[in-house]
Amino acid sequence: MKNFFSELDDVTLTYSDIKTTADGMEYIRIYFEKPIEGGFSFLESVIPGLDVKETEGFSDDEVTDLLGYANRNAFIIWRLAKEGSAGIA
């Protein structure tokens, strides 16, 4: 399930429910996307860690900015995922 968090400069951030790895670590998948001609630019990462899992169409600077945004808002995303909220705009 994807939950909506925000839209900023035509970039939408969605996030998964809290998931657990085989060794018991909790994480949330985050996904940024921006419409472009013929499709979308996208970036997939996880909280915590903010490792890039997959990206296409965003520059290195844009990836850095998006991951910074995710880092600054990670506490909100965790809270919303724990509460089961559909998100905030």
Protein backbone atom coordinates (compact mmCIF):
# COMPACT_ATOMS: atom_id res chain seq x y z
CA MET A 1 0.00 0.00 0.00
CA LYS A 2 1.29 3.44 -0.87
CA ASN A 3 0.42 6.42 1.29
CA PHE A 4 0.57 9.99 0.01
CA PHE A 5 2.79 12.39 1.92
CA SER A 6 3.46 15.51 -0.12
CA GLU A 7 3.79 17.17 -3.47
CA LEU A 8 6.43 19.84 -3.96
CA ASP A 9 7.49 21.39 -7.29
CA ASP A 10 5.55 18.70 -9.19
CA VAL A 11 7.40 15.94 -7.30
CA THR A 12 5.15 13.57 -5.38
CA LEU A 13 6.42 11.60 -2.38
CA THR A 14 4.62 8.43 -1.42
CA TYR A 15 5.59 5.84 1.17
CA SER A 16 4.80 2.26 2.07
CA ASP A 17 3.45 0.86 5.28
CA ILE A 18 6.11 -0.12 7.81
CA LYS A 19 7.75 -3.36 6.76
CA THR A 20 10.13 -5.67 8.62
CA THR A 21 13.23 -7.43 7.30
CA ALA A 22 13.98 -11.09 8.09
CA ASP A 23 16.23 -9.93 10.93
CA GLY A 24 13.54 -7.74 12.52
CA MET A 25 14.59 -4.29 11.27
CA GLU A 26 11.73 -1.94 10.40
CA TYR A 27 11.82 0.16 7.25
CA ILE A 28 9.60 2.21 4.99
CA ARG A 29 10.01 2.41 1.21
CA ILE A 30 9.76 5.94 -0.14
CA TYR A 31 9.14 6.84 -3.75
CA PHE A 32 9.48 10.21 -5.46
CA GLU A 33 8.08 10.77 -8.92
CA LYS A 34 7.74 13.69 -11.26
CA PRO A 35 5.78 13.64 -14.52
CA ILE A 36 7.85 14.26 -17.63
CA GLU A 37 7.02 13.97 -21.29
CA GLY A 38 6.51 10.30 -22.02
CA GLY A 39 6.54 9.09 -18.41
CA PHE A 40 8.01 9.88 -15.01
CA SER A 41 11.31 10.62 -13.33
CA PHE A 42 11.50 8.52 -10.18
CA LEU A 43 13.61 7.80 -7.14
CA GLU A 44 13.10 4.87 -4.77
CA SER A 45 14.78 4.70 -1.37
CA VAL A 46 14.15 3.49 2.17
CA ILE A 47 13.96 5.03 5.62
CA PRO A 48 16.16 4.62 7.57
CA GLY A 49 19.35 4.69 5.56
CA LEU A 50 18.16 6.65 2.54
CA ASP A 51 20.10 4.39 0.18
CA VAL A 52 19.07 4.84 -3.43
CA LYS A 53 17.40 1.61 -4.56
CA GLU A 54 16.54 2.79 -8.07
CA THR A 55 16.38 6.12 -9.90
CA GLU A 56 15.83 7.45 -13.37
CA GLY A 57 15.45 10.94 -14.75
CA PHE A 58 16.62 12.95 -11.75
CA SER A 59 20.05 14.62 -11.76
CA ASP A 60 22.56 13.88 -8.99
CA ASP A 61 21.77 17.27 -7.43
CA GLU A 62 18.03 16.54 -7.53
CA VAL A 63 18.60 13.13 -5.91
CA THR A 64 20.64 14.80 -3.16
CA ASP A 65 17.90 17.40 -2.60
CA LEU A 66 15.12 14.78 -2.54
CA LEU A 67 16.98 12.57 -0.08
CA GLY A 68 17.62 15.63 2.09
CA TYR A 69 13.89 16.38 2.05
CA ALA A 70 13.16 12.77 3.03
CA ASN A 71 15.70 12.96 5.84
CA ARG A 72 14.19 16.18 7.22
CA ASN A 73 10.69 14.67 7.12
CA ALA A 74 11.45 11.07 8.10
CA PHE A 75 9.98 11.54 11.58
CA ILE A 76 6.65 12.64 10.06
CA ILE A 77 6.60 9.71 7.65
CA TRP A 78 7.31 7.25 10.50
CA ARG A 79 4.57 8.80 12.64
CA LEU A 80 2.01 8.67 9.83
CA ALA A 81 2.93 5.10 8.92
CA LYS A 82 2.62 4.01 12.58
CA GLU A 83 -0.75 5.74 12.88
CA GLY A 84 -1.94 4.18 9.64
CA SER A 85 -2.81 7.58 8.23
CA ALA A 86 -3.57 8.10 4.57
CA GLY A 87 -1.13 11.02 4.73
CA ILE A 88 -1.17 14.77 4.69
CA ALA A 89 -0.77 17.28 1.90
